[in-house]
Amino acid sequence: MGSSPSKRVEIELRNSPSFQSAVANTYEECMNLTQHAFPGPCLYQLLHASTSVYTLLLSSSKDDPAAKIQQKWLPQPPTQLQIDRTLRKLKLLCNGKSASLNLEEFQAFILALFRDMALSNAFKSMAFYIPVGFLAILSSHLIAQRLPLIGPTYRTQGPKLPRIMAGYTAGTAAAVYINL
């Protein structure tokens, strides 16, 4: 069927010129703020840096793939909790590591952070829409059974509810996958 959603988002971000320039500009800004005293941005600067990348993407062209991902799946800038989770996931907070990130680590960190944020928000929307859709289908099913003219015909055609719910679930999942 294609690549996984995480790979699709990662490829879109990696190939986006506005995302790459936002990451490079933010890296240089962090280096200037520390007056090049460290080999890269310090860990305490990562919240500011990721917020800076987020705001730079807001001002980018709406045709850019990263701007489209941000518009659909990133309603707010990253939080400190998301940053800490990404640091642990990439194992950048080990005891022997330095308190700053070089350019490659910084790019990998920002890419993983934005990818994970987009996927998390996409899965949250699926977790909302699927139960709400199930309730709508179930209520329609119960109402159709009780209608005087439609009810007897509806009941004689066998159980349709499981097939309708399966179709709705597959359709919702496919819609979120396609929009990533």
Protein backbone atom coordinates (compact mmCIF):
# COMPACT_ATOMS: atom_id res chain seq x y z
CA MET A 1 0.00 0.00 0.00
CA GLY A 2 2.93 2.31 0.53
CA SER A 3 5.20 3.53 3.24
CA SER A 4 4.13 3.87 6.84
CA PRO A 5 2.65 7.18 8.03
CA SER A 6 5.76 8.00 10.05
CA LYS A 7 8.00 7.52 7.00
CA ARG A 8 5.67 9.60 4.84
CA VAL A 9 5.70 12.50 7.31
CA GLU A 10 9.46 12.19 7.77
CA ILE A 11 10.09 12.25 4.01
CA GLU A 12 7.79 15.26 3.55
CA LEU A 13 9.61 17.17 6.30
CA ARG A 14 13.06 16.14 5.13
CA ASN A 15 12.33 17.19 1.53
CA SER A 16 10.73 20.49 2.51
CA PRO A 17 12.96 23.50 1.78
CA SER A 18 11.17 25.71 4.30
CA PHE A 19 11.58 23.11 7.06
CA GLN A 20 15.28 22.71 6.31
CA SER A 21 15.86 26.47 6.24
CA ALA A 22 13.87 26.90 9.48
CA VAL A 23 16.03 24.27 11.17
CA ALA A 24 19.26 25.85 9.85
CA ASN A 25 18.19 29.37 10.86
CA THR A 26 17.19 28.20 14.32
CA TYR A 27 20.48 26.34 14.75
CA GLU A 28 22.41 29.50 13.87
CA GLU A 29 20.22 31.56 16.21
CA CYS A 30 20.94 29.17 19.09
CA MET A 31 24.66 29.29 18.32
CA ASN A 32 24.57 33.10 18.32
CA LEU A 33 22.68 33.19 21.61
CA THR A 34 25.39 31.11 23.29
CA GLN A 35 28.08 33.12 21.45
CA HIS A 36 29.47 29.87 19.99
CA ALA A 37 30.61 28.78 23.46
CA PHE A 38 29.22 25.28 22.88
CA PRO A 39 29.46 22.98 19.86
CA GLY A 40 25.69 23.31 19.32
CA PRO A 41 22.42 24.32 20.97
CA CYS A 42 22.24 23.44 24.65
CA LEU A 43 19.48 21.22 25.96
CA TYR A 44 17.86 24.12 27.81
CA GLN A 45 17.49 25.94 24.47
CA LEU A 46 15.50 23.19 22.78
CA LEU A 47 12.07 24.48 23.82
CA HIS A 48 12.88 27.90 22.37
CA ALA A 49 14.47 26.32 19.30
CA SER A 50 11.52 24.05 18.52
CA THR A 51 9.08 26.94 19.03
CA SER A 52 11.22 29.02 16.70
CA VAL A 53 11.11 26.33 14.00
CA TYR A 54 7.34 26.14 14.47
CA THR A 55 6.87 29.90 14.04
CA LEU A 56 9.20 30.01 11.03
CA LEU A 57 7.06 27.32 9.41
CA LEU A 58 3.96 29.44 10.04
CA SER A 59 5.41 32.16 7.85
CA SER A 60 6.41 29.77 5.05
CA SER A 61 4.55 29.22 1.79
CA LYS A 62 1.26 27.36 2.08
CA ASP A 63 2.29 25.14 -0.85
CA ASP A 64 5.25 23.74 1.08
CA PRO A 65 4.74 20.15 2.35
CA ALA A 66 5.91 21.03 5.87
CA ALA A 67 3.47 23.94 6.04
CA LYS A 68 0.64 21.63 4.99
CA ILE A 69 1.56 19.12 7.69
CA GLN A 70 1.76 21.91 10.24
CA GLN A 71 -1.58 23.35 9.16
CA LYS A 72 -3.38 19.98 9.39
CA TRP A 73 -1.67 18.17 12.24
CA LEU A 74 0.31 20.66 14.35
CA PRO A 75 -2.14 23.11 15.93
CA GLN A 76 0.30 24.34 18.59
CA PRO A 77 4.05 24.49 19.17
CA PRO A 78 5.79 21.65 21.01
CA THR A 79 5.68 21.42 24.78
CA GLN A 80 8.52 20.60 27.14
CA LEU A 81 7.00 17.15 27.72
CA GLN A 82 7.13 16.35 24.00
CA ILE A 83 10.71 17.60 23.82
CA ASP A 84 11.78 15.46 26.76
CA ARG A 85 10.03 12.42 25.28
CA THR A 86 11.85 12.91 21.97
CA LEU A 87 15.20 13.36 23.72
CA ARG A 88 14.70 10.07 25.58
CA LYS A 89 13.52 8.33 22.41
CA LEU A 90 16.63 9.40 20.50
CA LYS A 91 18.81 8.63 23.54
CA LEU A 92 20.26 12.16 23.57
CA LEU A 93 19.95 12.44 27.37
CA CYS A 94 22.45 9.71 28.28
CA ASN A 95 24.86 10.28 31.17
CA GLY A 96 27.97 10.38 28.99
CA LYS A 97 26.54 12.76 26.37
CA SER A 98 27.33 16.45 26.29
CA ALA A 99 24.75 19.08 27.21
CA SER A 100 24.56 20.33 23.62
CA LEU A 101 23.65 18.93 20.21
CA ASN A 102 25.71 19.14 17.06
CA LEU A 103 24.03 20.03 13.75
CA GLU A 104 23.20 16.44 12.76
CA GLU A 105 21.75 15.63 16.20
CA PHE A 106 19.76 18.86 16.18
CA GLN A 107 18.30 18.14 12.74
CA ALA A 108 17.43 14.58 13.76
CA PHE A 109 15.86 15.85 16.99
CA ILE A 110 13.67 18.48 15.30
CA LEU A 111 12.63 16.03 12.57
CA ALA A 112 11.67 13.35 15.12
CA LEU A 113 9.86 15.89 17.29
CA PHE A 114 7.69 17.25 14.49
CA ARG A 115 7.07 13.77 13.05
CA ASP A 116 5.94 12.41 16.41
CA MET A 117 3.76 15.44 17.08
CA ALA A 118 1.99 15.09 13.70
CA LEU A 119 1.40 11.36 14.15
CA SER A 120 0.17 11.82 17.70
CA ASN A 121 -2.37 14.42 16.61
CA ALA A 122 -3.49 12.27 13.66
CA PHE A 123 -4.08 9.28 15.94
CA LYS A 124 -5.92 11.50 18.43
CA SER A 125 -8.29 12.61 15.69
CA MET A 126 -8.90 8.97 14.74
CA ALA A 127 -9.53 8.10 18.39
CA PHE A 128 -12.20 10.80 18.43
CA TYR A 129 -13.93 10.29 15.08
CA ILE A 130 -14.23 6.50 15.16
CA PRO A 131 -16.24 6.27 18.44
CA VAL A 132 -18.40 9.26 17.43
CA GLY A 133 -19.09 7.61 14.08
CA PHE A 134 -19.93 4.33 15.80
CA LEU A 135 -22.48 6.12 17.97
CA ALA A 136 -24.04 7.78 14.92
CA ILE A 137 -24.24 4.45 13.06
CA LEU A 138 -25.67 2.66 16.09
CA SER A 139 -28.32 5.30 16.65
CA SER A 140 -29.27 5.22 12.94
CA HIS A 141 -29.51 1.43 13.14
CA LEU A 142 -31.79 1.54 16.18
CA ILE A 143 -33.99 4.25 14.66
CA ALA A 144 -34.30 2.39 11.34
CA GLN A 145 -35.48 -0.75 13.14
CA ARG A 146 -38.27 1.17 14.87
CA LEU A 147 -39.65 3.09 11.88
CA PRO A 148 -43.09 1.75 10.88
CA LEU A 149 -42.57 1.39 7.12
CA ILE A 150 -38.83 0.83 6.95
CA GLY A 151 -38.30 -1.24 10.10
CA PRO A 152 -39.70 -4.61 8.95
CA THR A 153 -37.84 -4.44 5.64
CA TYR A 154 -34.64 -3.37 7.38
CA ARG A 155 -34.82 -6.23 9.90
CA THR A 156 -35.41 -8.93 7.25
CA GLN A 157 -32.25 -8.09 5.31
CA GLY A 158 -30.00 -9.40 8.07
CA PRO A 159 -27.38 -7.78 10.28
CA LYS A 160 -25.83 -4.81 8.52
CA LEU A 161 -24.41 -3.03 11.52
CA PRO A 162 -21.06 -4.90 11.73
CA ARG A 163 -20.37 -4.37 8.02
CA ILE A 164 -21.27 -0.69 8.20
CA MET A 165 -19.05 -0.16 11.27
CA ALA A 166 -16.14 -2.00 9.64
CA GLY A 167 -16.51 0.09 6.50
CA TYR A 168 -16.64 3.30 8.51
CA THR A 169 -13.53 2.35 10.50
CA ALA A 170 -11.59 1.48 7.36
CA GLY A 171 -12.72 4.68 5.66
CA THR A 172 -11.74 6.87 8.60
CA ALA A 173 -8.33 5.22 8.93
CA ALA A 174 -7.74 5.56 5.18
CA ALA A 175 -8.72 9.24 5.24
CA VAL A 176 -6.25 10.00 8.02
CA TYR A 177 -3.53 7.96 6.27
CA ILE A 178 -4.07 9.78 2.99
CA ASN A 179 -4.00 13.19 4.69
CA LEU A 180 -0.65 12.51 6.37
